[in-house]
Amino acid sequence: MPDCLFCKIIAGDIPSGKVYEDEDVYAFKDIHPKAPTHVLVIPKQHVATLSDCDDPALIGMLMDRVRKIADEVLNLAAGYRVVINVREGGGQEVFHLHAHILGGKKLPF
């Protein structure tokens, strides 16, 4: 998607604080962190929202990478939260499916 911010980050057109990348996902530090550790994990395939994703394998892969990044890259052994905002009413600001990993402190609910 040519005008998608996250697609431009994946392509390397916009710099980011990359923490992980493989053939399917790209993960980077959030520029407005809500916790000491706040990383976004995005599939390289453009899907606007979770509600637009009709591929259960893509959702499963995304959640598997979230787990891997949290456990193996970010070392969030004490725990973490995973958030996926869906559409404007759910707080989504960039319309490219992504998961937030938040950790590094006890998070209020």
C-alpha atoms as a PDB file:
ATOM      1  CA  MET A   1       0.000   0.000   0.000  1.00  0.00           C
ATOM      2  CA  PRO A   2       1.937   3.066  -1.224  1.00  0.00           C
ATOM      3  CA  ASP A   3       0.624   5.626   1.282  1.00  0.00           C
ATOM      4  CA  CYS A   4       0.690   3.364   4.379  1.00  0.00           C
ATOM      5  CA  LEU A   5       3.102   4.564   7.081  1.00  0.00           C
ATOM      6  CA  PHE A   6       3.902   1.032   8.238  1.00  0.00           C
ATOM      7  CA  CYS A   7       4.461  -0.229   4.686  1.00  0.00           C
ATOM      8  CA  LYS A   8       6.972   2.612   4.253  1.00  0.00           C
ATOM      9  CA  ILE A   9       8.710   1.576   7.495  1.00  0.00           C
ATOM     10  CA  ILE A  10       8.903  -2.044   6.299  1.00  0.00           C
ATOM     11  CA  ALA A  11      10.352  -0.850   2.972  1.00  0.00           C
ATOM     12  CA  GLY A  12      13.004   1.190   4.795  1.00  0.00           C
ATOM     13  CA  ASP A  13      11.695   4.502   3.460  1.00  0.00           C
ATOM     14  CA  ILE A  14      11.048   5.774   7.008  1.00  0.00           C
ATOM     15  CA  PRO A  15      13.518   5.084   9.831  1.00  0.00           C
ATOM     16  CA  SER A  16      12.413   3.110  12.880  1.00  0.00           C
ATOM     17  CA  GLY A  17      13.865   1.586  16.023  1.00  0.00           C
ATOM     18  CA  LYS A  18      13.849  -1.963  14.672  1.00  0.00           C
ATOM     19  CA  VAL A  19      13.997  -4.706  17.290  1.00  0.00           C
ATOM     20  CA  TYR A  20      13.165  -7.741  15.121  1.00  0.00           C
ATOM     21  CA  GLU A  21      12.551  -8.703  11.514  1.00  0.00           C
ATOM     22  CA  ASP A  22      11.943 -11.920   9.629  1.00  0.00           C
ATOM     23  CA  GLU A  23      10.283 -12.839   6.336  1.00  0.00           C
ATOM     24  CA  ASP A  24       6.776 -12.294   7.756  1.00  0.00           C
ATOM     25  CA  VAL A  25       6.914  -9.508  10.371  1.00  0.00           C
ATOM     26  CA  TYR A  26       8.727  -6.344  11.340  1.00  0.00           C
ATOM     27  CA  ALA A  27       8.892  -5.107  14.953  1.00  0.00           C
ATOM     28  CA  PHE A  28       9.987  -1.686  16.159  1.00  0.00           C
ATOM     29  CA  LYS A  29       9.812   0.645  19.149  1.00  0.00           C
ATOM     30  CA  ASP A  30       6.695   2.814  19.442  1.00  0.00           C
ATOM     31  CA  ILE A  31       7.535   6.524  19.090  1.00  0.00           C
ATOM     32  CA  HIS A  32       5.009   7.394  21.843  1.00  0.00           C
ATOM     33  CA  PRO A  33       5.575   4.589  24.378  1.00  0.00           C
ATOM     34  CA  LYS A  34       2.914   3.851  26.985  1.00  0.00           C
ATOM     35  CA  ALA A  35       5.242   1.602  29.024  1.00  0.00           C
ATOM     36  CA  PRO A  36       9.026   1.221  29.486  1.00  0.00           C
ATOM     37  CA  THR A  37       8.896  -1.423  26.758  1.00  0.00           C
ATOM     38  CA  HIS A  38       6.459  -0.650  23.942  1.00  0.00           C
ATOM     39  CA  VAL A  39       7.031  -2.424  20.648  1.00  0.00           C
ATOM     40  CA  LEU A  40       4.796  -2.709  17.589  1.00  0.00           C
ATOM     41  CA  VAL A  41       4.723  -5.971  15.643  1.00  0.00           C
ATOM     42  CA  ILE A  42       3.385  -5.665  12.102  1.00  0.00           C
ATOM     43  CA  PRO A  43       2.887  -8.259   9.392  1.00  0.00           C
ATOM     44  CA  LYS A  44       4.698  -7.434   6.174  1.00  0.00           C
ATOM     45  CA  GLN A  45       1.495  -8.241   4.306  1.00  0.00           C
ATOM     46  CA  HIS A  46      -0.733  -5.161   4.351  1.00  0.00           C
ATOM     47  CA  VAL A  47      -4.083  -5.739   6.055  1.00  0.00           C
ATOM     48  CA  ALA A  48      -5.863  -2.616   7.271  1.00  0.00           C
ATOM     49  CA  THR A  49      -7.462  -3.939  10.480  1.00  0.00           C
ATOM     50  CA  LEU A  50      -7.964  -7.164  12.397  1.00  0.00           C
ATOM     51  CA  SER A  51     -11.574  -7.120  11.182  1.00  0.00           C
ATOM     52  CA  ASP A  52     -10.329  -7.097   7.576  1.00  0.00           C
ATOM     53  CA  CYS A  53      -8.142 -10.172   8.075  1.00  0.00           C
ATOM     54  CA  ASP A  54      -9.807 -13.323   6.789  1.00  0.00           C
ATOM     55  CA  ASP A  55      -6.632 -15.393   7.091  1.00  0.00           C
ATOM     56  CA  PRO A  56      -6.471 -17.266  10.416  1.00  0.00           C
ATOM     57  CA  ALA A  57      -2.917 -18.382   9.598  1.00  0.00           C
ATOM     58  CA  LEU A  58      -1.768 -14.743   9.395  1.00  0.00           C
ATOM     59  CA  ILE A  59      -3.321 -13.963  12.788  1.00  0.00           C
ATOM     60  CA  GLY A  60      -1.775 -17.074  14.303  1.00  0.00           C
ATOM     61  CA  MET A  61       1.620 -16.241  12.838  1.00  0.00           C
ATOM     62  CA  LEU A  62       1.392 -12.669  14.173  1.00  0.00           C
ATOM     63  CA  MET A  63       0.582 -13.899  17.692  1.00  0.00           C
ATOM     64  CA  ASP A  64       3.372 -16.487  17.526  1.00  0.00           C
ATOM     65  CA  ARG A  65       5.872 -13.752  16.602  1.00  0.00           C
ATOM     66  CA  VAL A  66       4.540 -11.512  19.400  1.00  0.00           C
ATOM     67  CA  ARG A  67       5.259 -14.340  21.848  1.00  0.00           C
ATOM     68  CA  LYS A  68       8.706 -14.976  20.378  1.00  0.00           C
ATOM     69  CA  ILE A  69       9.684 -11.292  20.409  1.00  0.00           C
ATOM     70  CA  ALA A  70       8.394 -10.740  23.969  1.00  0.00           C
ATOM     71  CA  ASP A  71      10.115 -13.850  25.334  1.00  0.00           C
ATOM     72  CA  GLU A  72      13.328 -14.105  23.303  1.00  0.00           C
ATOM     73  CA  VAL A  73      14.123 -10.566  22.157  1.00  0.00           C
ATOM     74  CA  LEU A  74      12.625  -8.275  24.797  1.00  0.00           C
ATOM     75  CA  ASN A  75      13.110 -10.705  27.736  1.00  0.00           C
ATOM     76  CA  LEU A  76       9.781  -9.810  29.337  1.00  0.00           C
ATOM     77  CA  ALA A  77       9.855 -12.760  31.752  1.00  0.00           C
ATOM     78  CA  ALA A  78       7.857 -10.803  34.376  1.00  0.00           C
ATOM     79  CA  GLY A  79       4.971 -10.500  31.916  1.00  0.00           C
ATOM     80  CA  TYR A  80       3.593  -8.247  29.234  1.00  0.00           C
ATOM     81  CA  ARG A  81       0.382  -7.086  27.615  1.00  0.00           C
ATOM     82  CA  VAL A  82      -0.640  -7.489  23.973  1.00  0.00           C
ATOM     83  CA  VAL A  83      -3.059  -4.966  22.483  1.00  0.00           C
ATOM     84  CA  ILE A  84      -4.611  -4.807  19.025  1.00  0.00           C
ATOM     85  CA  ASN A  85      -6.680  -1.689  18.428  1.00  0.00           C
ATOM     86  CA  VAL A  86      -9.354  -2.103  15.753  1.00  0.00           C
ATOM     87  CA  ARG A  87     -10.683   0.828  13.729  1.00  0.00           C
ATOM     88  CA  GLU A  88     -11.005   4.417  14.889  1.00  0.00           C
ATOM     89  CA  GLY A  89     -13.471   3.620  17.675  1.00  0.00           C
ATOM     90  CA  GLY A  90     -11.019   1.074  19.072  1.00  0.00           C
ATOM     91  CA  GLY A  91      -8.125   3.525  19.030  1.00  0.00           C
ATOM     92  CA  GLN A  92      -6.417   2.414  15.816  1.00  0.00           C
ATOM     93  CA  GLU A  93      -4.422   5.298  14.310  1.00  0.00           C
ATOM     94  CA  VAL A  94      -2.448   3.563  11.537  1.00  0.00           C
ATOM     95  CA  PHE A  95      -4.545   1.333   9.318  1.00  0.00           C
ATOM     96  CA  HIS A  96      -2.116  -1.543   8.966  1.00  0.00           C
ATOM     97  CA  LEU A  97      -2.772  -4.469  11.314  1.00  0.00           C
ATOM     98  CA  HIS A  98      -0.364  -4.371  14.258  1.00  0.00           C
ATOM     99  CA  ALA A  99       0.013  -5.647  17.797  1.00  0.00           C
ATOM    100  CA  HIS A 100       1.436  -3.628  20.679  1.00  0.00           C
ATOM    101  CA  ILE A 101       3.693  -5.384  23.197  1.00  0.00           C
ATOM    102  CA  LEU A 102       3.771  -3.441  26.478  1.00  0.00           C
ATOM    103  CA  GLY A 103       5.925  -4.375  29.446  1.00  0.00           C
ATOM    104  CA  GLY A 104       8.751  -3.415  31.726  1.00  0.00           C
ATOM    105  CA  LYS A 105       6.518  -2.533  34.673  1.00  0.00           C
ATOM    106  CA  LYS A 106       3.312  -3.730  36.327  1.00  0.00           C
ATOM    107  CA  LEU A 107       0.570  -2.426  34.064  1.00  0.00           C
ATOM    108  CA  PRO A 108      -2.739  -1.150  35.409  1.00  0.00           C
ATOM    109  CA  PHE A 109      -5.887  -2.405  33.777  1.00  0.00           C
END
